[in-house]
PDB file of N, CA and C in Angstrom:
ATOM      1  N   MET A   1      61.549 -59.830  42.716  1.00  0.00           N
ATOM      2  CA  MET A   1      61.020 -58.575  43.648  1.00  0.00           C
ATOM      3  C   MET A   1      60.288 -57.438  43.214  1.00  0.00           C
ATOM      4  N   GLY A   2      59.792 -58.185  41.986  1.00  0.00           N
ATOM      5  CA  GLY A   2      58.547 -57.270  41.223  1.00  0.00           C
ATOM      6  C   GLY A   2      57.511 -57.086  42.075  1.00  0.00           C
ATOM      7  N   PHE A   3      56.576 -58.365  42.254  1.00  0.00           N
ATOM      8  CA  PHE A   3      55.610 -58.620  43.571  1.00  0.00           C
ATOM      9  C   PHE A   3      56.030 -57.184  44.129  1.00  0.00           C
ATOM     10  N   MET A   4      56.981 -57.589  45.451  1.00  0.00           N
ATOM     11  CA  MET A   4      56.675 -57.337  46.100  1.00  0.00           C
ATOM     12  C   MET A   4      56.987 -55.179  46.572  1.00  0.00           C
ATOM     13  N   ASP A   5      58.114 -54.705  45.394  1.00  0.00           N
ATOM     14  CA  ASP A   5      57.495 -53.609  45.247  1.00  0.00           C
ATOM     15  C   ASP A   5      56.044 -53.471  44.720  1.00  0.00           C
ATOM     16  N   THR A   6      55.405 -54.036  43.696  1.00  0.00           N
ATOM     17  CA  THR A   6      54.067 -53.203  43.647  1.00  0.00           C
ATOM     18  C   THR A   6      53.541 -53.266  44.908  1.00  0.00           C
ATOM     19  N   ALA A   7      53.578 -54.831  45.447  1.00  0.00           N
ATOM     20  CA  ALA A   7      52.447 -54.834  47.344  1.00  0.00           C
ATOM     21  C   ALA A   7      52.682 -53.554  47.949  1.00  0.00           C
ATOM     22  N   LYS A   8      53.997 -53.143  47.502  1.00  0.00           N
ATOM     23  CA  LYS A   8      54.517 -51.804  48.931  1.00  0.00           C
ATOM     24  C   LYS A   8      54.284 -50.605  47.819  1.00  0.00           C
ATOM     25  N   ASP A   9      54.002 -50.614  46.496  1.00  0.00           N
ATOM     26  CA  ASP A   9      53.249 -49.521  46.005  1.00  0.00           C
ATOM     27  C   ASP A   9      52.095 -49.226  46.572  1.00  0.00           C
ATOM     28  N   ALA A  10      50.951 -50.319  46.455  1.00  0.00           N
ATOM     29  CA  ALA A  10      50.313 -50.621  46.759  1.00  0.00           C
ATOM     30  C   ALA A  10      49.454 -50.377  47.459  1.00  0.00           C
ATOM     31  N   ALA A  11      50.507 -50.729  49.253  1.00  0.00           N
ATOM     32  CA  ALA A  11      49.959 -50.137  50.386  1.00  0.00           C
ATOM     33  C   ALA A  11      50.583 -48.700  50.212  1.00  0.00           C
ATOM     34  N   ASP A  12      51.093 -48.095  50.237  1.00  0.00           N
ATOM     35  CA  ASP A  12      51.777 -46.646  50.288  1.00  0.00           C
ATOM     36  C   ASP A  12      50.768 -46.077  49.881  1.00  0.00           C
ATOM     37  N   ALA A  13      49.863 -45.603  48.985  1.00  0.00           N
ATOM     38  CA  ALA A  13      49.218 -45.365  48.335  1.00  0.00           C
ATOM     39  C   ALA A  13      47.893 -45.372  49.025  1.00  0.00           C
ATOM     40  N   THR A  14      47.362 -46.620  49.017  1.00  0.00           N
ATOM     41  CA  THR A  14      46.476 -47.015  50.398  1.00  0.00           C
ATOM     42  C   THR A  14      46.736 -46.000  51.786  1.00  0.00           C
ATOM     43  N   GLY A  15      47.775 -45.278  52.164  1.00  0.00           N
ATOM     44  CA  GLY A  15      48.319 -45.133  53.151  1.00  0.00           C
ATOM     45  C   GLY A  15      47.927 -43.941  53.108  1.00  0.00           C
ATOM     46  N   ASP A  16      48.114 -43.339  52.104  1.00  0.00           N
ATOM     47  CA  ASP A  16      48.023 -42.279  51.226  1.00  0.00           C
ATOM     48  C   ASP A  16      46.705 -41.246  51.598  1.00  0.00           C
ATOM     49  N   LYS A  17      45.676 -42.335  50.519  1.00  0.00           N
ATOM     50  CA  LYS A  17      44.576 -42.086  50.769  1.00  0.00           C
ATOM     51  C   LYS A  17      43.856 -41.959  51.673  1.00  0.00           C
ATOM     52  N   ILE A  18      44.215 -42.675  52.549  1.00  0.00           N
ATOM     53  CA  ILE A  18      43.925 -42.901  53.926  1.00  0.00           C
ATOM     54  C   ILE A  18      43.309 -42.000  54.980  1.00  0.00           C
ATOM     55  N   GLY A  19      45.200 -41.550  54.846  1.00  0.00           N
ATOM     56  CA  GLY A  19      45.414 -39.779  55.187  1.00  0.00           C
ATOM     57  C   GLY A  19      44.662 -38.786  54.825  1.00  0.00           C
ATOM     58  N   GLU A  20      44.638 -38.827  53.568  1.00  0.00           N
ATOM     59  CA  GLU A  20      43.740 -37.608  52.993  1.00  0.00           C
ATOM     60  C   GLU A  20      42.311 -37.446  53.446  1.00  0.00           C
ATOM     61  N   VAL A  21      41.886 -38.639  53.672  1.00  0.00           N
ATOM     62  CA  VAL A  21      40.558 -39.199  53.666  1.00  0.00           C
ATOM     63  C   VAL A  21      40.460 -38.437  55.257  1.00  0.00           C
ATOM     64  N   VAL A  22      40.938 -39.245  55.878  1.00  0.00           N
ATOM     65  CA  VAL A  22      41.283 -37.856  57.934  1.00  0.00           C
ATOM     66  C   VAL A  22      41.219 -36.785  57.466  1.00  0.00           C
ATOM     67  N   ASP A  23      42.158 -36.201  56.789  1.00  0.00           N
ATOM     68  CA  ASP A  23      42.737 -34.423  56.924  1.00  0.00           C
ATOM     69  C   ASP A  23      41.424 -34.207  56.161  1.00  0.00           C
ATOM     70  N   ASP A  24      40.720 -35.139  55.387  1.00  0.00           N
ATOM     71  CA  ASP A  24      39.327 -34.025  55.212  1.00  0.00           C
ATOM     72  C   ASP A  24      38.098 -34.328  55.812  1.00  0.00           C
ATOM     73  N   THR A  25      38.189 -35.402  56.531  1.00  0.00           N
ATOM     74  CA  THR A  25      36.553 -35.114  57.888  1.00  0.00           C
ATOM     75  C   THR A  25      36.980 -34.407  58.823  1.00  0.00           C
ATOM     76  N   LYS A  26      38.375 -34.144  58.833  1.00  0.00           N
ATOM     77  CA  LYS A  26      38.856 -33.258  60.541  1.00  0.00           C
ATOM     78  C   LYS A  26      38.404 -31.617  59.654  1.00  0.00           C
ATOM     79  N   GLU A  27      38.887 -31.522  58.804  1.00  0.00           N
ATOM     80  CA  GLU A  27      37.932 -29.896  58.185  1.00  0.00           C
ATOM     81  C   GLU A  27      36.800 -29.819  57.663  1.00  0.00           C
ATOM     82  N   ARG A  28      36.211 -30.442  57.701  1.00  0.00           N
ATOM     83  CA  ARG A  28      34.930 -30.942  57.519  1.00  0.00           C
ATOM     84  C   ARG A  28      34.111 -30.508  59.307  1.00  0.00           C
ATOM     85  N   VAL A  29      34.393 -31.630  59.501  1.00  0.00           N
ATOM     86  CA  VAL A  29      34.336 -31.055  61.127  1.00  0.00           C
ATOM     87  C   VAL A  29      34.495 -29.750  61.772  1.00  0.00           C
ATOM     88  N   SER A  30      35.693 -29.271  60.782  1.00  0.00           N
ATOM     89  CA  SER A  30      36.093 -27.800  61.874  1.00  0.00           C
ATOM     90  C   SER A  30      34.647 -26.591  61.112  1.00  0.00           C
ATOM     91  N   ASP A  31      34.798 -27.076  59.866  1.00  0.00           N
ATOM     92  CA  ASP A  31      33.947 -26.260  59.136  1.00  0.00           C
ATOM     93  C   ASP A  31      32.711 -26.655  59.524  1.00  0.00           C
ATOM     94  N   LYS A  32      32.320 -27.602  60.150  1.00  0.00           N
ATOM     95  CA  LYS A  32      30.695 -27.183  60.798  1.00  0.00           C
ATOM     96  C   LYS A  32      30.430 -27.235  62.042  1.00  0.00           C
ATOM     97  N   VAL A  33      31.462 -27.361  63.046  1.00  0.00           N
ATOM     98  CA  VAL A  33      31.239 -26.469  64.214  1.00  0.00           C
ATOM     99  C   VAL A  33      31.415 -24.496  63.959  1.00  0.00           C
ATOM    100  N   ASP A  34      32.213 -24.483  62.598  1.00  0.00           N
ATOM    101  CA  ASP A  34      32.388 -22.954  62.624  1.00  0.00           C
ATOM    102  C   ASP A  34      30.962 -22.388  62.277  1.00  0.00           C
ATOM    103  N   GLU A  35      30.138 -22.901  61.274  1.00  0.00           N
ATOM    104  CA  GLU A  35      29.147 -22.982  60.893  1.00  0.00           C
ATOM    105  C   GLU A  35      28.187 -22.903  62.080  1.00  0.00           C
ATOM    106  N   MET A  36      28.064 -23.569  62.605  1.00  0.00           N
ATOM    107  CA  MET A  36      26.952 -23.882  64.316  1.00  0.00           C
ATOM    108  C   MET A  36      27.626 -22.577  65.276  1.00  0.00           C
ATOM    109  N   GLN A  37      29.117 -22.089  65.285  1.00  0.00           N
ATOM    110  CA  GLN A  37      28.905 -21.390  66.138  1.00  0.00           C
ATOM    111  C   GLN A  37      28.596 -20.244  65.696  1.00  0.00           C
ATOM    112  N   ALA A  38      28.676 -19.977  64.101  1.00  0.00           N
ATOM    113  CA  ALA A  38      28.190 -18.822  63.570  1.00  0.00           C
ATOM    114  C   ALA A  38      26.764 -18.812  63.988  1.00  0.00           C
ATOM    115  N   ASP A  39      26.165 -19.337  62.931  1.00  0.00           N
ATOM    116  CA  ASP A  39      24.653 -19.835  63.306  1.00  0.00           C
ATOM    117  C   ASP A  39      24.624 -19.509  64.811  1.00  0.00           C
ATOM    118  N   ALA A  40      24.823 -19.821  66.057  1.00  0.00           N
ATOM    119  CA  ALA A  40      24.565 -19.543  67.072  1.00  0.00           C
ATOM    120  C   ALA A  40      24.425 -17.908  68.105  1.00  0.00           C
ATOM    121  N   GLU A  41      25.518 -17.284  67.611  1.00  0.00           N
ATOM    122  CA  GLU A  41      25.982 -15.846  66.990  1.00  0.00           C
ATOM    123  C   GLU A  41      24.763 -14.993  66.668  1.00  0.00           C
ATOM    124  N   VAL A  42      24.146 -15.315  65.659  1.00  0.00           N
ATOM    125  CA  VAL A  42      23.152 -14.973  65.137  1.00  0.00           C
ATOM    126  C   VAL A  42      21.863 -14.897  65.537  1.00  0.00           C
ATOM    127  N   ALA A  43      22.065 -15.958  66.692  1.00  0.00           N
ATOM    128  CA  ALA A  43      20.409 -16.507  67.161  1.00  0.00           C
ATOM    129  C   ALA A  43      20.685 -15.656  68.545  1.00  0.00           C
ATOM    130  N   LYS A  44      22.002 -15.463  68.822  1.00  0.00           N
ATOM    131  CA  LYS A  44      21.723 -14.675  70.304  1.00  0.00           C
ATOM    132  C   LYS A  44      21.414 -13.121  69.588  1.00  0.00           C
ATOM    133  N   ALA A  45      21.903 -12.333  68.722  1.00  0.00           N
ATOM    134  CA  ALA A  45      21.976 -11.597  68.713  1.00  0.00           C
ATOM    135  C   ALA A  45      20.547 -11.073  68.047  1.00  0.00           C
ATOM    136  N   GLU A  46      19.937 -12.130  67.327  1.00  0.00           N
ATOM    137  CA  GLU A  46      18.497 -12.069  67.208  1.00  0.00           C
ATOM    138  C   GLU A  46      17.409 -11.933  68.590  1.00  0.00           C
ATOM    139  N   ALA A  47      17.997 -12.764  69.173  1.00  0.00           N
ATOM    140  CA  ALA A  47      17.207 -12.743  70.776  1.00  0.00           C
ATOM    141  C   ALA A  47      17.435 -10.872  71.465  1.00  0.00           C
ATOM    142  N   GLU A  48      18.634 -11.089  71.375  1.00  0.00           N
ATOM    143  CA  GLU A  48      18.872  -9.725  71.535  1.00  0.00           C
ATOM    144  C   GLU A  48      17.947  -8.380  71.550  1.00  0.00           C
ATOM    145  N   ARG A  49      17.860  -8.398  70.009  1.00  0.00           N
ATOM    146  CA  ARG A  49      17.346  -7.013  69.100  1.00  0.00           C
ATOM    147  C   ARG A  49      16.101  -7.572  69.301  1.00  0.00           C
ATOM    148  N   ASP A  50      15.503  -8.572  69.234  1.00  0.00           N
ATOM    149  CA  ASP A  50      14.142  -8.677  70.252  1.00  0.00           C
ATOM    150  C   ASP A  50      13.681  -8.352  71.566  1.00  0.00           C
ATOM    151  N   ALA A  51      14.592  -8.741  72.245  1.00  0.00           N
ATOM    152  CA  ALA A  51      14.305  -8.234  73.293  1.00  0.00           C
ATOM    153  C   ALA A  51      14.220  -6.816  73.895  1.00  0.00           C
ATOM    154  N   VAL A  52      15.209  -6.300  72.838  1.00  0.00           N
ATOM    155  CA  VAL A  52      15.268  -4.874  73.000  1.00  0.00           C
ATOM    156  C   VAL A  52      14.122  -3.875  72.699  1.00  0.00           C
ATOM    157  N   HIS A  53      13.580  -4.617  71.565  1.00  0.00           N
ATOM    158  CA  HIS A  53      12.289  -4.209  70.674  1.00  0.00           C
ATOM    159  C   HIS A  53      11.203  -4.206  71.941  1.00  0.00           C
ATOM    160  N   ALA A  54      10.991  -5.547  72.594  1.00  0.00           N
ATOM    161  CA  ALA A  54      10.179  -5.498  73.536  1.00  0.00           C
ATOM    162  C   ALA A  54      10.374  -4.510  74.319  1.00  0.00           C
ATOM    163  N   LYS A  55      11.066  -4.447  74.689  1.00  0.00           N
ATOM    164  CA  LYS A  55      11.322  -3.052  75.446  1.00  0.00           C
ATOM    165  C   LYS A  55      10.812  -2.131  75.729  1.00  0.00           C
ATOM    166  N   ASN A  56      11.526  -1.266  74.239  1.00  0.00           N
ATOM    167  CA  ASN A  56      11.461  -0.208  74.018  1.00  0.00           C
ATOM    168  C   ASN A  56       9.446   0.091  73.020  1.00  0.00           C
ATOM    169  N   GLU A  57       9.226  -1.487  72.989  1.00  0.00           N
ATOM    170  CA  GLU A  57       7.743  -1.311  72.999  1.00  0.00           C
ATOM    171  C   GLU A  57       7.068  -0.810  74.211  1.00  0.00           C
ATOM    172  N   HIS A  58       6.973  -1.441  74.962  1.00  0.00           N
ATOM    173  CA  HIS A  58       6.084  -1.892  76.260  1.00  0.00           C
ATOM    174  C   HIS A  58       6.593  -0.185  77.135  1.00  0.00           C
ATOM    175  N   LYS A  59       7.954   0.085  77.062  1.00  0.00           N
ATOM    176  CA  LYS A  59       8.109   1.446  77.408  1.00  0.00           C
ATOM    177  C   LYS A  59       7.003   2.965  76.622  1.00  0.00           C
ATOM    178  N   GLU A  60       7.312   2.275  75.182  1.00  0.00           N
ATOM    179  CA  GLU A  60       5.842   3.710  74.945  1.00  0.00           C
ATOM    180  C   GLU A  60       4.448   3.436  75.391  1.00  0.00           C
ATOM    181  N   HIS A  61       4.382   1.819  75.248  1.00  0.00           N
ATOM    182  CA  HIS A  61       2.987   1.967  76.051  1.00  0.00           C
ATOM    183  C   HIS A  61       3.216   2.552  77.338  1.00  0.00           C
ATOM    184  N   MET A  62       3.940   2.397  77.659  1.00  0.00           N
ATOM    185  CA  MET A  62       3.699   2.815  79.072  1.00  0.00           C
ATOM    186  C   MET A  62       3.559   4.966  79.010  1.00  0.00           C
ATOM    187  N   ARG A  63       4.318   4.716  78.010  1.00  0.00           N
ATOM    188  CA  ARG A  63       4.413   6.523  78.306  1.00  0.00           C
ATOM    189  C   ARG A  63       2.693   6.930  77.629  1.00  0.00           C
ATOM    190  N   GLN A  64       2.153   5.749  76.714  1.00  0.00           N
ATOM    191  CA  GLN A  64       0.991   6.670  76.304  1.00  0.00           C
ATOM    192  C   GLN A  64      -0.076   6.282  77.422  1.00  0.00           C
ATOM    193  N   ASP A  65      -0.068   5.671  78.431  1.00  0.00           N
ATOM    194  CA  ASP A  65      -0.664   5.908  79.359  1.00  0.00           C
ATOM    195  C   ASP A  65      -0.793   6.942  80.802  1.00  0.00           C
TER     196      ASP A  65
END
């Protein structure tokens, strides 16, 4: 029975390790998605800022003429 117990323990340890790897991978993917969403929000805010700046410059230019 010693060999069977050792094989069972090894299989359990392997299963646990695979579970940990899967959990870690899911967490990394989730972190990357969060990062990409934050980057998209920053890009949108910068685009809006630039658009407002350009609009204000255009209005100021029109006032000077």
